[in-house]
PDB file of N, CA and C in Angstrom:
ATOM      1  N   UNK A   1      15.602 -13.412   0.304  1.00  0.00           N
ATOM      2  CA  UNK A   1      14.463 -12.671  -0.202  1.00  0.00           C
ATOM      3  C   UNK A   1      14.336 -11.376   0.585  1.00  0.00           C
ATOM      4  N   UNK A   2      14.048 -10.298  -0.114  1.00  0.00           N
ATOM      5  CA  UNK A   2      13.864  -9.004   0.527  1.00  0.00           C
ATOM      6  C   UNK A   2      12.371  -8.684   0.621  1.00  0.00           C
ATOM      7  N   UNK A   3      12.023  -7.909   1.645  1.00  0.00           N
ATOM      8  CA  UNK A   3      10.634  -7.559   1.903  1.00  0.00           C
ATOM      9  C   UNK A   3      10.498  -6.053   1.998  1.00  0.00           C
ATOM     10  N   UNK A   4       9.298  -5.550   1.662  1.00  0.00           N
ATOM     11  CA  UNK A   4       9.032  -4.114   1.680  1.00  0.00           C
ATOM     12  C   UNK A   4       7.628  -3.843   2.189  1.00  0.00           C
ATOM     13  N   UNK A   5       7.417  -2.591   2.574  1.00  0.00           N
ATOM     14  CA  UNK A   5       6.077  -2.083   2.860  1.00  0.00           C
ATOM     15  C   UNK A   5       5.809  -0.995   1.841  1.00  0.00           C
ATOM     16  N   UNK A   6       4.713  -1.122   1.127  1.00  0.00           N
ATOM     17  CA  UNK A   6       4.293  -0.097   0.179  1.00  0.00           C
ATOM     18  C   UNK A   6       3.142   0.658   0.828  1.00  0.00           C
ATOM     19  N   UNK A   7       3.251   1.977   0.844  1.00  0.00           N
ATOM     20  CA  UNK A   7       2.222   2.827   1.445  1.00  0.00           C
ATOM     21  C   UNK A   7       1.527   3.640   0.368  1.00  0.00           C
ATOM     22  N   UNK A   8       0.225   3.799   0.545  1.00  0.00           N
ATOM     23  CA  UNK A   8      -0.559   4.683  -0.307  1.00  0.00           C
ATOM     24  C   UNK A   8      -1.712   5.223   0.535  1.00  0.00           C
ATOM     25  N   UNK A   9      -2.332   6.283   0.058  1.00  0.00           N
ATOM     26  CA  UNK A   9      -3.526   6.819   0.710  1.00  0.00           C
ATOM     27  C   UNK A   9      -4.633   6.890  -0.320  1.00  0.00           C
ATOM     28  N   UNK A  10      -5.864   6.883   0.189  1.00  0.00           N
ATOM     29  CA  UNK A  10      -7.044   6.965  -0.671  1.00  0.00           C
ATOM     30  C   UNK A  10      -8.149   7.661   0.098  1.00  0.00           C
ATOM     31  N   UNK A  11      -9.156   8.157  -0.596  1.00  0.00           N
ATOM     32  CA  UNK A  11     -10.098   9.098   0.002  1.00  0.00           C
ATOM     33  C   UNK A  11     -11.225   8.509   0.841  1.00  0.00           C
ATOM     34  N   UNK A  12     -11.647   7.271   0.613  1.00  0.00           N
ATOM     35  CA  UNK A  12     -12.769   6.730   1.384  1.00  0.00           C
ATOM     36  C   UNK A  12     -12.420   5.369   1.979  1.00  0.00           C
ATOM     37  N   UNK A  13     -13.101   5.030   3.049  1.00  0.00           N
ATOM     38  CA  UNK A  13     -12.893   3.731   3.672  1.00  0.00           C
ATOM     39  C   UNK A  13     -13.295   2.608   2.718  1.00  0.00           C
ATOM     40  N   UNK A  14     -14.384   2.804   1.993  1.00  0.00           N
ATOM     41  CA  UNK A  14     -14.849   1.803   1.036  1.00  0.00           C
ATOM     42  C   UNK A  14     -13.788   1.549  -0.039  1.00  0.00           C
ATOM     43  N   UNK A  15     -13.210   2.618  -0.575  1.00  0.00           N
ATOM     44  CA  UNK A  15     -12.165   2.477  -1.593  1.00  0.00           C
ATOM     45  C   UNK A  15     -10.925   1.815  -1.011  1.00  0.00           C
ATOM     46  N   UNK A  16     -10.580   2.147   0.234  1.00  0.00           N
ATOM     47  CA  UNK A  16      -9.422   1.550   0.897  1.00  0.00           C
ATOM     48  C   UNK A  16      -9.620   0.043   1.066  1.00  0.00           C
ATOM     49  N   UNK A  17     -10.790  -0.359   1.514  1.00  0.00           N
ATOM     50  CA  UNK A  17     -11.064  -1.785   1.718  1.00  0.00           C
ATOM     51  C   UNK A  17     -11.069  -2.544   0.395  1.00  0.00           C
ATOM     52  N   UNK A  18     -11.612  -1.938  -0.649  1.00  0.00           N
ATOM     53  CA  UNK A  18     -11.623  -2.597  -1.961  1.00  0.00           C
ATOM     54  C   UNK A  18     -10.203  -2.752  -2.492  1.00  0.00           C
ATOM     55  N   UNK A  19      -9.415  -1.691  -2.413  1.00  0.00           N
ATOM     56  CA  UNK A  19      -8.033  -1.763  -2.888  1.00  0.00           C
ATOM     57  C   UNK A  19      -7.255  -2.811  -2.101  1.00  0.00           C
ATOM     58  N   UNK A  20      -7.406  -2.815  -0.790  1.00  0.00           N
ATOM     59  CA  UNK A  20      -6.709  -3.795   0.057  1.00  0.00           C
ATOM     60  C   UNK A  20      -7.117  -5.220  -0.312  1.00  0.00           C
ATOM     61  N   UNK A  21      -8.412  -5.446  -0.466  1.00  0.00           N
ATOM     62  CA  UNK A  21      -8.896  -6.791  -0.806  1.00  0.00           C
ATOM     63  C   UNK A  21      -8.375  -7.238  -2.172  1.00  0.00           C
ATOM     64  N   UNK A  22      -8.351  -6.334  -3.132  1.00  0.00           N
ATOM     65  CA  UNK A  22      -7.843  -6.683  -4.462  1.00  0.00           C
ATOM     66  C   UNK A  22      -6.358  -7.024  -4.423  1.00  0.00           C
ATOM     67  N   UNK A  23      -5.604  -6.281  -3.643  1.00  0.00           N
ATOM     68  CA  UNK A  23      -4.164  -6.543  -3.512  1.00  0.00           C
ATOM     69  C   UNK A  23      -3.934  -7.924  -2.908  1.00  0.00           C
ATOM     70  N   UNK A  24      -4.659  -8.253  -1.859  1.00  0.00           N
ATOM     71  CA  UNK A  24      -4.502  -9.559  -1.212  1.00  0.00           C
ATOM     72  C   UNK A  24      -5.016 -10.668  -2.125  1.00  0.00           C
ATOM     73  N   UNK A  25      -6.157 -10.442  -2.772  1.00  0.00           N
ATOM     74  CA  UNK A  25      -6.740 -11.444  -3.669  1.00  0.00           C
ATOM     75  C   UNK A  25      -5.780 -11.796  -4.808  1.00  0.00           C
ATOM     76  N   UNK A  26      -5.108 -10.789  -5.351  1.00  0.00           N
ATOM     77  CA  UNK A  26      -4.171 -11.013  -6.457  1.00  0.00           C
ATOM     78  C   UNK A  26      -2.779 -11.410  -5.970  1.00  0.00           C
ATOM     79  N   UNK A  27      -2.649 -11.603  -4.647  1.00  0.00           N
ATOM     80  CA  UNK A  27      -1.386 -12.019  -4.020  1.00  0.00           C
ATOM     81  C   UNK A  27      -0.237 -11.055  -4.290  1.00  0.00           C
ATOM     82  N   UNK A  28      -0.579  -9.750  -4.417  1.00  0.00           N
ATOM     83  CA  UNK A  28       0.443  -8.718  -4.558  1.00  0.00           C
ATOM     84  C   UNK A  28       0.962  -8.277  -3.206  1.00  0.00           C
ATOM     85  N   UNK A  29       0.229  -8.582  -2.161  1.00  0.00           N
ATOM     86  CA  UNK A  29       0.615  -8.311  -0.784  1.00  0.00           C
ATOM     87  C   UNK A  29       0.003  -9.366   0.114  1.00  0.00           C
ATOM     88  N   UNK A  30       0.691  -9.693   1.180  1.00  0.00           N
ATOM     89  CA  UNK A  30       0.190 -10.705   2.110  1.00  0.00           C
ATOM     90  C   UNK A  30      -0.820 -10.110   3.082  1.00  0.00           C
ATOM     91  N   UNK A  31      -0.652  -8.833   3.383  1.00  0.00           N
ATOM     92  CA  UNK A  31      -1.469  -8.178   4.402  1.00  0.00           C
ATOM     93  C   UNK A  31      -1.486  -6.684   4.113  1.00  0.00           C
ATOM     94  N   UNK A  32      -2.636  -6.065   4.361  1.00  0.00           N
ATOM     95  CA  UNK A  32      -2.746  -4.621   4.195  1.00  0.00           C
ATOM     96  C   UNK A  32      -3.371  -4.051   5.461  1.00  0.00           C
ATOM     97  N   UNK A  33      -2.666  -3.154   6.122  1.00  0.00           N
ATOM     98  CA  UNK A  33      -3.231  -2.427   7.253  1.00  0.00           C
ATOM     99  C   UNK A  33      -3.854  -1.146   6.740  1.00  0.00           C
ATOM    100  N   UNK A  34      -5.033  -0.820   7.250  1.00  0.00           N
ATOM    101  CA  UNK A  34      -5.740   0.403   6.866  1.00  0.00           C
ATOM    102  C   UNK A  34      -5.960   1.228   8.124  1.00  0.00           C
ATOM    103  N   UNK A  35      -5.609   2.503   8.046  1.00  0.00           N
ATOM    104  CA  UNK A  35      -5.885   3.388   9.174  1.00  0.00           C
ATOM    105  C   UNK A  35      -6.296   4.761   8.666  1.00  0.00           C
ATOM    106  N   UNK A  36      -7.188   5.394   9.409  1.00  0.00           N
ATOM    107  CA  UNK A  36      -7.624   6.743   9.070  1.00  0.00           C
ATOM    108  C   UNK A  36      -6.568   7.763   9.465  1.00  0.00           C
ATOM    109  N   UNK A  37      -6.351   8.736   8.590  1.00  0.00           N
ATOM    110  CA  UNK A  37      -5.361   9.785   8.846  1.00  0.00           C
ATOM    111  C   UNK A  37      -5.910  11.129   8.386  1.00  0.00           C
ATOM    112  N   UNK A  38      -5.313  12.193   8.883  1.00  0.00           N
ATOM    113  CA  UNK A  38      -5.586  13.537   8.387  1.00  0.00           C
ATOM    114  C   UNK A  38      -4.371  13.984   7.603  1.00  0.00           C
ATOM    115  N   UNK A  39      -4.594  14.399   6.370  1.00  0.00           N
ATOM    116  CA  UNK A  39      -3.507  14.860   5.514  1.00  0.00           C
ATOM    117  C   UNK A  39      -3.636  16.358   5.277  1.00  0.00           C
ATOM    118  N   UNK A  40      -2.539  17.060   5.426  1.00  0.00           N
ATOM    119  CA  UNK A  40      -2.466  18.487   5.113  1.00  0.00           C
ATOM    120  C   UNK A  40      -1.425  18.623   4.019  1.00  0.00           C
ATOM    121  N   UNK A  41      -1.834  19.194   2.900  1.00  0.00           N
ATOM    122  CA  UNK A  41      -0.950  19.246   1.739  1.00  0.00           C
ATOM    123  C   UNK A  41      -1.349  20.400   0.818  1.00  0.00           C
ATOM    124  N   UNK A  42      -0.472  20.699  -0.130  1.00  0.00           N
ATOM    125  CA  UNK A  42      -0.814  21.684  -1.154  1.00  0.00           C
ATOM    126  C   UNK A  42      -0.986  20.975  -2.486  1.00  0.00           C
ATOM    127  N   UNK A  43      -1.936  21.463  -3.267  1.00  0.00           N
ATOM    128  CA  UNK A  43      -2.193  20.951  -4.606  1.00  0.00           C
ATOM    129  C   UNK A  43      -2.640  22.125  -5.454  1.00  0.00           C
ATOM    130  N   UNK A  44      -1.948  22.351  -6.556  1.00  0.00           N
ATOM    131  CA  UNK A  44      -2.238  23.494  -7.430  1.00  0.00           C
ATOM    132  C   UNK A  44      -2.243  24.803  -6.644  1.00  0.00           C
ATOM    133  N   UNK A  45      -1.230  24.964  -5.790  1.00  0.00           N
ATOM    134  CA  UNK A  45      -1.014  26.186  -5.013  1.00  0.00           C
ATOM    135  C   UNK A  45      -2.108  26.483  -3.995  1.00  0.00           C
ATOM    136  N   UNK A  46      -2.881  25.488  -3.623  1.00  0.00           N
ATOM    137  CA  UNK A  46      -3.920  25.657  -2.609  1.00  0.00           C
ATOM    138  C   UNK A  46      -3.683  24.632  -1.502  1.00  0.00           C
ATOM    139  N   UNK A  47      -3.859  25.072  -0.246  1.00  0.00           N
ATOM    140  CA  UNK A  47      -3.664  24.167   0.878  1.00  0.00           C
ATOM    141  C   UNK A  47      -4.979  23.447   1.196  1.00  0.00           C
ATOM    142  N   UNK A  48      -4.836  22.153   1.487  1.00  0.00           N
ATOM    143  CA  UNK A  48      -5.984  21.306   1.816  1.00  0.00           C
ATOM    144  C   UNK A  48      -5.743  20.598   3.137  1.00  0.00           C
ATOM    145  N   UNK A  49      -6.823  20.283   3.822  1.00  0.00           N
ATOM    146  CA  UNK A  49      -6.814  19.385   4.977  1.00  0.00           C
ATOM    147  C   UNK A  49      -7.928  18.383   4.731  1.00  0.00           C
ATOM    148  N   UNK A  50      -7.556  17.123   4.587  1.00  0.00           N
ATOM    149  CA  UNK A  50      -8.512  16.085   4.203  1.00  0.00           C
ATOM    150  C   UNK A  50      -8.360  14.848   5.075  1.00  0.00           C
ATOM    151  N   UNK A  51      -9.460  14.152   5.266  1.00  0.00           N
ATOM    152  CA  UNK A  51      -9.415  12.821   5.869  1.00  0.00           C
ATOM    153  C   UNK A  51      -9.112  11.827   4.761  1.00  0.00           C
ATOM    154  N   UNK A  52      -8.201  10.928   5.040  1.00  0.00           N
ATOM    155  CA  UNK A  52      -7.839   9.892   4.081  1.00  0.00           C
ATOM    156  C   UNK A  52      -7.646   8.577   4.827  1.00  0.00           C
ATOM    157  N   UNK A  53      -7.433   7.535   4.052  1.00  0.00           N
ATOM    158  CA  UNK A  53      -7.130   6.221   4.609  1.00  0.00           C
ATOM    159  C   UNK A  53      -5.783   5.782   4.075  1.00  0.00           C
ATOM    160  N   UNK A  54      -4.888   5.462   5.002  1.00  0.00           N
ATOM    161  CA  UNK A  54      -3.550   5.017   4.622  1.00  0.00           C
ATOM    162  C   UNK A  54      -3.525   3.498   4.583  1.00  0.00           C
ATOM    163  N   UNK A  55      -2.959   2.959   3.524  1.00  0.00           N
ATOM    164  CA  UNK A  55      -2.792   1.522   3.373  1.00  0.00           C
ATOM    165  C   UNK A  55      -1.307   1.204   3.448  1.00  0.00           C
ATOM    166  N   UNK A  56      -0.947   0.250   4.291  1.00  0.00           N
ATOM    167  CA  UNK A  56       0.424  -0.240   4.392  1.00  0.00           C
ATOM    168  C   UNK A  56       0.412  -1.707   3.979  1.00  0.00           C
ATOM    169  N   UNK A  57       1.053  -1.978   2.848  1.00  0.00           N
ATOM    170  CA  UNK A  57       1.003  -3.276   2.195  1.00  0.00           C
ATOM    171  C   UNK A  57       2.315  -4.009   2.438  1.00  0.00           C
ATOM    172  N   UNK A  58       2.247  -5.187   3.045  1.00  0.00           N
ATOM    173  CA  UNK A  58       3.437  -5.997   3.271  1.00  0.00           C
ATOM    174  C   UNK A  58       3.597  -6.941   2.094  1.00  0.00           C
ATOM    175  N   UNK A  59       4.757  -6.864   1.411  1.00  0.00           N
ATOM    176  CA  UNK A  59       4.988  -7.681   0.235  1.00  0.00           C
ATOM    177  C   UNK A  59       6.474  -7.948   0.067  1.00  0.00           C
ATOM    178  N   UNK A  60       6.820  -8.602  -1.017  1.00  0.00           N
ATOM    179  CA  UNK A  60       8.217  -8.884  -1.311  1.00  0.00           C
ATOM    180  C   UNK A  60       8.768  -7.816  -2.255  1.00  0.00           C
ATOM    181  N   UNK A  61      10.068  -7.621  -2.207  1.00  0.00           N
ATOM    182  CA  UNK A  61      10.708  -6.670  -3.119  1.00  0.00           C
ATOM    183  C   UNK A  61      10.484  -7.102  -4.568  1.00  0.00           C
ATOM    184  N   UNK A  62      10.452  -8.397  -4.803  1.00  0.00           N
ATOM    185  CA  UNK A  62      10.229  -8.927  -6.151  1.00  0.00           C
ATOM    186  C   UNK A  62       8.878  -8.484  -6.722  1.00  0.00           C
ATOM    187  N   UNK A  63       7.866  -8.350  -5.871  1.00  0.00           N
ATOM    188  CA  UNK A  63       6.524  -7.958  -6.316  1.00  0.00           C
ATOM    189  C   UNK A  63       6.275  -6.461  -6.240  1.00  0.00           C
ATOM    190  N   UNK A  64       7.226  -5.717  -5.750  1.00  0.00           N
ATOM    191  CA  UNK A  64       7.028  -4.290  -5.506  1.00  0.00           C
ATOM    192  C   UNK A  64       6.540  -3.531  -6.735  1.00  0.00           C
ATOM    193  N   UNK A  65       7.235  -3.649  -7.846  1.00  0.00           N
ATOM    194  CA  UNK A  65       6.863  -2.898  -9.053  1.00  0.00           C
ATOM    195  C   UNK A  65       5.474  -3.296  -9.530  1.00  0.00           C
ATOM    196  N   UNK A  66       5.168  -4.590  -9.518  1.00  0.00           N
ATOM    197  CA  UNK A  66       3.853  -5.066  -9.952  1.00  0.00           C
ATOM    198  C   UNK A  66       2.748  -4.508  -9.052  1.00  0.00           C
ATOM    199  N   UNK A  67       2.988  -4.496  -7.748  1.00  0.00           N
ATOM    200  CA  UNK A  67       2.021  -3.953  -6.792  1.00  0.00           C
ATOM    201  C   UNK A  67       1.849  -2.454  -7.003  1.00  0.00           C
ATOM    202  N   UNK A  68       2.955  -1.732  -7.162  1.00  0.00           N
ATOM    203  CA  UNK A  68       2.873  -0.284  -7.395  1.00  0.00           C
ATOM    204  C   UNK A  68       2.141   0.028  -8.700  1.00  0.00           C
ATOM    205  N   UNK A  69       2.420  -0.732  -9.741  1.00  0.00           N
ATOM    206  CA  UNK A  69       1.732  -0.515 -11.021  1.00  0.00           C
ATOM    207  C   UNK A  69       0.234  -0.784 -10.894  1.00  0.00           C
ATOM    208  N   UNK A  70      -0.116  -1.805 -10.127  1.00  0.00           N
ATOM    209  CA  UNK A  70      -1.529  -2.111  -9.912  1.00  0.00           C
ATOM    210  C   UNK A  70      -2.219  -0.958  -9.186  1.00  0.00           C
ATOM    211  N   UNK A  71      -1.599  -0.469  -8.128  1.00  0.00           N
ATOM    212  CA  UNK A  71      -2.172   0.658  -7.383  1.00  0.00           C
ATOM    213  C   UNK A  71      -2.387   1.846  -8.321  1.00  0.00           C
ATOM    214  N   UNK A  72      -1.371   2.186  -9.085  1.00  0.00           N
ATOM    215  CA  UNK A  72      -1.466   3.333  -9.998  1.00  0.00           C
ATOM    216  C   UNK A  72      -2.568   3.143 -11.036  1.00  0.00           C
ATOM    217  N   UNK A  73      -2.778   1.910 -11.480  1.00  0.00           N
ATOM    218  CA  UNK A  73      -3.765   1.657 -12.536  1.00  0.00           C
ATOM    219  C   UNK A  73      -5.209   1.771 -12.062  1.00  0.00           C
ATOM    220  N   UNK A  74      -5.444   1.578 -10.768  1.00  0.00           N
ATOM    221  CA  UNK A  74      -6.825   1.608 -10.266  1.00  0.00           C
ATOM    222  C   UNK A  74      -7.116   2.804  -9.361  1.00  0.00           C
ATOM    223  N   UNK A  75      -6.111   3.553  -9.019  1.00  0.00           N
ATOM    224  CA  UNK A  75      -6.263   4.640  -8.047  1.00  0.00           C
ATOM    225  C   UNK A  75      -7.086   5.786  -8.631  1.00  0.00           C
ATOM    226  N   UNK A  76      -7.845   6.460  -7.763  1.00  0.00           N
ATOM    227  CA  UNK A  76      -8.711   7.559  -8.204  1.00  0.00           C
ATOM    228  C   UNK A  76      -8.012   8.917  -8.200  1.00  0.00           C
ATOM    229  N   UNK A  77      -6.859   9.030  -7.563  1.00  0.00           N
ATOM    230  CA  UNK A  77      -6.160  10.309  -7.497  1.00  0.00           C
ATOM    231  C   UNK A  77      -5.373  10.573  -8.783  1.00  0.00           C
ATOM    232  N   UNK A  78      -5.214  11.847  -9.132  1.00  0.00           N
ATOM    233  CA  UNK A  78      -4.356  12.219 -10.259  1.00  0.00           C
ATOM    234  C   UNK A  78      -2.907  11.844  -9.989  1.00  0.00           C
ATOM    235  N   UNK A  79      -2.495  12.026  -8.749  1.00  0.00           N
ATOM    236  CA  UNK A  79      -1.118  11.731  -8.349  1.00  0.00           C
ATOM    237  C   UNK A  79      -1.150  10.983  -7.016  1.00  0.00           C
ATOM    238  N   UNK A  80      -1.341   9.661  -7.055  1.00  0.00           N
ATOM    239  CA  UNK A  80      -1.417   8.917  -5.795  1.00  0.00           C
ATOM    240  C   UNK A  80      -0.053   8.794  -5.123  1.00  0.00           C
ATOM    241  N   UNK A  81      -0.085   8.833  -3.804  1.00  0.00           N
ATOM    242  CA  UNK A  81       1.118   8.524  -3.026  1.00  0.00           C
ATOM    243  C   UNK A  81       1.379   7.037  -3.165  1.00  0.00           C
ATOM    244  N   UNK A  82       2.556   6.699  -3.616  1.00  0.00           N
ATOM    245  CA  UNK A  82       2.991   5.300  -3.640  1.00  0.00           C
ATOM    246  C   UNK A  82       4.458   5.319  -3.205  1.00  0.00           C
ATOM    247  N   UNK A  83       4.691   4.870  -1.977  1.00  0.00           N
ATOM    248  CA  UNK A  83       6.023   4.936  -1.374  1.00  0.00           C
ATOM    249  C   UNK A  83       6.409   3.546  -0.890  1.00  0.00           C
ATOM    250  N   UNK A  84       7.644   3.176  -1.155  1.00  0.00           N
ATOM    251  CA  UNK A  84       8.154   1.884  -0.713  1.00  0.00           C
ATOM    252  C   UNK A  84       9.194   2.075   0.386  1.00  0.00           C
ATOM    253  N   UNK A  85       9.060   1.298   1.447  1.00  0.00           N
ATOM    254  CA  UNK A  85      10.020   1.294   2.541  1.00  0.00           C
ATOM    255  C   UNK A  85      10.555  -0.122   2.700  1.00  0.00           C
ATOM    256  N   UNK A  86      11.865  -0.295   2.677  1.00  0.00           N
ATOM    257  CA  UNK A  86      12.408  -1.648   2.865  1.00  0.00           C
ATOM    258  C   UNK A  86      12.216  -2.123   4.305  1.00  0.00           C
ATOM    259  N   UNK A  87      11.968  -3.394   4.452  1.00  0.00           N
ATOM    260  CA  UNK A  87      11.953  -4.030   5.772  1.00  0.00           C
ATOM    261  C   UNK A  87      13.362  -4.573   5.982  1.00  0.00           C
ATOM    262  N   UNK A  88      14.088  -3.961   6.878  1.00  0.00           N
ATOM    263  CA  UNK A  88      15.488  -4.339   7.063  1.00  0.00           C
ATOM    264  C   UNK A  88      15.674  -5.483   8.049  1.00  0.00           C
ATOM    265  N   UNK A  89      14.657  -5.727   8.860  1.00  0.00           N
ATOM    266  CA  UNK A  89      14.742  -6.789   9.842  1.00  0.00           C
ATOM    267  C   UNK A  89      13.334  -7.120  10.299  1.00  0.00           C
ATOM    268  N   UNK A  90      13.154  -8.328  10.807  1.00  0.00           N
ATOM    269  CA  UNK A  90      11.847  -8.711  11.319  1.00  0.00           C
ATOM    270  C   UNK A  90      11.830 -10.169  11.723  1.00  0.00           C
ATOM    271  N   UNK A  91      10.727 -10.577  12.276  1.00  0.00           N
ATOM    272  CA  UNK A  91      10.533 -11.964  12.681  1.00  0.00           C
ATOM    273  C   UNK A  91      10.655 -12.870  11.452  1.00  0.00           C
ATOM    274  N   UNK A  92      11.526 -13.846  11.533  1.00  0.00           N
ATOM    275  CA  UNK A  92      11.712 -14.776  10.415  1.00  0.00           C
ATOM    276  C   UNK A  92      10.410 -15.488  10.062  1.00  0.00           C
ATOM    277  N   UNK A  93       9.632 -15.844  11.076  1.00  0.00           N
ATOM    278  CA  UNK A  93       8.354 -16.517  10.822  1.00  0.00           C
ATOM    279  C   UNK A  93       7.383 -15.595  10.093  1.00  0.00           C
ATOM    280  N   UNK A  94       7.336 -14.321  10.494  1.00  0.00           N
ATOM    281  CA  UNK A  94       6.429 -13.368   9.837  1.00  0.00           C
ATOM    282  C   UNK A  94       6.867 -13.115   8.399  1.00  0.00           C
ATOM    283  N   UNK A  95       8.158 -12.944   8.174  1.00  0.00           N
ATOM    284  CA  UNK A  95       8.650 -12.708   6.816  1.00  0.00           C
ATOM    285  C   UNK A  95       8.380 -13.923   5.923  1.00  0.00           C
ATOM    286  N   UNK A  96       8.531 -15.113   6.461  1.00  0.00           N
ATOM    287  CA  UNK A  96       8.207 -16.325   5.716  1.00  0.00           C
ATOM    288  C   UNK A  96       6.716 -16.351   5.378  1.00  0.00           C
ATOM    289  N   UNK A  97       5.876 -15.889   6.314  1.00  0.00           N
ATOM    290  CA  UNK A  97       4.436 -15.828   6.074  1.00  0.00           C
ATOM    291  C   UNK A  97       4.136 -14.881   4.912  1.00  0.00           C
ATOM    292  N   UNK A  98       4.828 -13.734   4.850  1.00  0.00           N
ATOM    293  CA  UNK A  98       4.650 -12.832   3.714  1.00  0.00           C
ATOM    294  C   UNK A  98       4.987 -13.562   2.418  1.00  0.00           C
ATOM    295  N   UNK A  99       6.124 -14.235   2.397  1.00  0.00           N
ATOM    296  CA  UNK A  99       6.542 -14.974   1.200  1.00  0.00           C
ATOM    297  C   UNK A  99       5.498 -16.008   0.808  1.00  0.00           C
ATOM    298  N   UNK A 100       4.992 -16.755   1.795  1.00  0.00           N
ATOM    299  CA  UNK A 100       4.041 -17.832   1.530  1.00  0.00           C
ATOM    300  C   UNK A 100       2.677 -17.325   1.065  1.00  0.00           C
ATOM    301  N   UNK A 101       2.374 -16.048   1.315  1.00  0.00           N
ATOM    302  CA  UNK A 101       1.049 -15.518   0.994  1.00  0.00           C
ATOM    303  C   UNK A 101       1.068 -14.464  -0.113  1.00  0.00           C
ATOM    304  N   UNK A 102       2.144 -14.457  -0.878  1.00  0.00           N
ATOM    305  CA  UNK A 102       2.235 -13.596  -2.050  1.00  0.00           C
ATOM    306  C   UNK A 102       2.591 -14.462  -3.253  1.00  0.00           C
ATOM    307  N   UNK A 103       2.531 -13.848  -4.423  1.00  0.00           N
ATOM    308  CA  UNK A 103       2.786 -14.581  -5.668  1.00  0.00           C
ATOM    309  C   UNK A 103       4.270 -14.679  -5.992  1.00  0.00           C
ATOM    310  N   UNK A 104       5.119 -14.523  -4.994  1.00  0.00           N
ATOM    311  CA  UNK A 104       6.578 -14.524  -5.218  1.00  0.00           C
ATOM    312  C   UNK A 104       7.079 -15.821  -5.800  1.00  0.00           C
TER     313      UNK A 104
END
Protein backbone atom coordinates (compact mmCIF):
# COMPACT_ATOMS: atom_id res chain seq x y z
CA UNK A 1 0.00 0.00 0.00
CA UNK A 2 1.25 3.47 -0.85
CA UNK A 3 0.76 6.55 1.31
CA UNK A 4 0.63 10.28 0.53
CA UNK A 5 0.32 13.68 2.13
CA UNK A 6 -2.16 16.02 0.50
CA UNK A 7 -1.61 19.71 1.22
CA UNK A 8 -4.05 22.58 0.86
CA UNK A 9 -4.45 26.06 2.31
CA UNK A 10 -7.55 27.92 3.41
CA UNK A 11 -8.27 31.41 4.69
CA UNK A 12 -9.54 31.00 8.28
CA UNK A 13 -8.79 28.79 11.24
CA UNK A 14 -12.49 27.95 11.55
CA UNK A 15 -12.63 26.80 7.91
CA UNK A 16 -9.40 24.82 8.35
CA UNK A 17 -10.75 22.98 11.40
CA UNK A 18 -14.06 22.22 9.68
CA UNK A 19 -12.34 20.90 6.55
CA UNK A 20 -9.95 18.80 8.65
CA UNK A 21 -12.78 17.37 10.75
CA UNK A 22 -14.84 16.51 7.66
CA UNK A 23 -11.88 14.76 6.04
CA UNK A 24 -11.25 12.65 9.15
CA UNK A 25 -14.97 12.01 9.72
CA UNK A 26 -15.38 10.71 6.16
CA UNK A 27 -12.18 8.63 6.58
CA UNK A 28 -10.52 10.36 3.62
CA UNK A 29 -7.49 11.00 5.82
CA UNK A 30 -6.29 9.53 9.09
CA UNK A 31 -4.85 12.77 10.43
CA UNK A 32 -4.73 16.41 9.41
CA UNK A 33 -2.11 18.83 10.71
CA UNK A 34 -3.08 22.50 10.64
CA UNK A 35 -0.58 25.32 10.87
CA UNK A 36 -0.72 29.06 10.29
CA UNK A 37 1.36 30.37 7.40
CA UNK A 38 1.98 33.59 5.51
CA UNK A 39 1.48 33.29 1.77
CA UNK A 40 2.86 35.73 -0.78
CA UNK A 41 1.49 35.21 -4.26
CA UNK A 42 0.13 36.88 -7.38
CA UNK A 43 -3.48 36.65 -8.50
CA UNK A 44 -4.86 38.51 -11.51
CA UNK A 45 -1.54 40.36 -11.88
CA UNK A 46 -1.66 41.72 -8.32
CA UNK A 47 0.65 40.70 -5.49
CA UNK A 48 -0.88 39.64 -2.17
CA UNK A 49 0.41 38.80 1.29
CA UNK A 50 -2.15 36.86 3.31
CA UNK A 51 -2.41 34.78 6.44
CA UNK A 52 -3.64 31.29 5.68
CA UNK A 53 -3.90 27.89 7.29
CA UNK A 54 -2.08 24.97 5.73
CA UNK A 55 -3.58 21.50 6.07
CA UNK A 56 -1.40 18.41 5.64
CA UNK A 57 -3.57 15.33 5.25
CA UNK A 58 -2.10 11.86 5.76
CA UNK A 59 -3.92 9.30 3.61
CA UNK A 60 -3.48 6.40 1.23
CA UNK A 61 -2.68 6.74 -2.46
CA UNK A 62 -5.88 4.79 -3.14
CA UNK A 63 -7.95 7.57 -1.50
CA UNK A 64 -5.97 10.46 -2.95
CA UNK A 65 -8.30 11.34 -5.83
CA UNK A 66 -11.41 11.04 -3.65
CA UNK A 67 -9.84 13.28 -0.98
CA UNK A 68 -8.70 15.84 -3.58
CA UNK A 69 -12.15 15.88 -5.19
CA UNK A 70 -13.76 16.40 -1.79
CA UNK A 71 -11.45 19.33 -1.01
CA UNK A 72 -12.19 20.93 -4.39
CA UNK A 73 -15.95 20.49 -3.93
CA UNK A 74 -16.12 22.32 -0.59
CA UNK A 75 -13.25 24.79 -0.85
CA UNK A 76 -13.98 28.53 -0.85
CA UNK A 77 -11.12 29.55 -3.16
CA UNK A 78 -11.53 29.90 -6.93
CA UNK A 79 -8.31 27.95 -7.37
CA UNK A 80 -7.41 26.02 -4.21
CA UNK A 81 -3.94 24.62 -3.70
CA UNK A 82 -4.21 20.85 -3.74
CA UNK A 83 -0.81 19.16 -3.87
CA UNK A 84 0.07 15.53 -3.29
CA UNK A 85 3.44 14.37 -1.98
CA UNK A 86 4.26 10.66 -1.83
CA UNK A 87 5.46 9.21 1.46
CA UNK A 88 8.45 7.19 0.36
CA UNK A 89 9.35 5.82 3.76
CA UNK A 90 8.15 5.91 7.34
CA UNK A 91 7.42 4.03 10.52
CA UNK A 92 5.63 0.81 9.61
CA UNK A 93 3.40 1.19 12.68
CA UNK A 94 2.43 4.75 11.72
CA UNK A 95 1.71 3.81 8.10
CA UNK A 96 -0.43 0.90 9.30
CA UNK A 97 -2.29 3.37 11.55
CA UNK A 98 -3.04 5.52 8.48
CA UNK A 99 -4.39 2.45 6.69
CA UNK A 100 -6.49 1.43 9.70
CA UNK A 101 -8.01 4.91 10.06
CA UNK A 102 -9.00 5.58 6.46
CA UNK A 103 -11.65 4.08 4.20
CA UNK A 104 -9.01 2.15 2.22
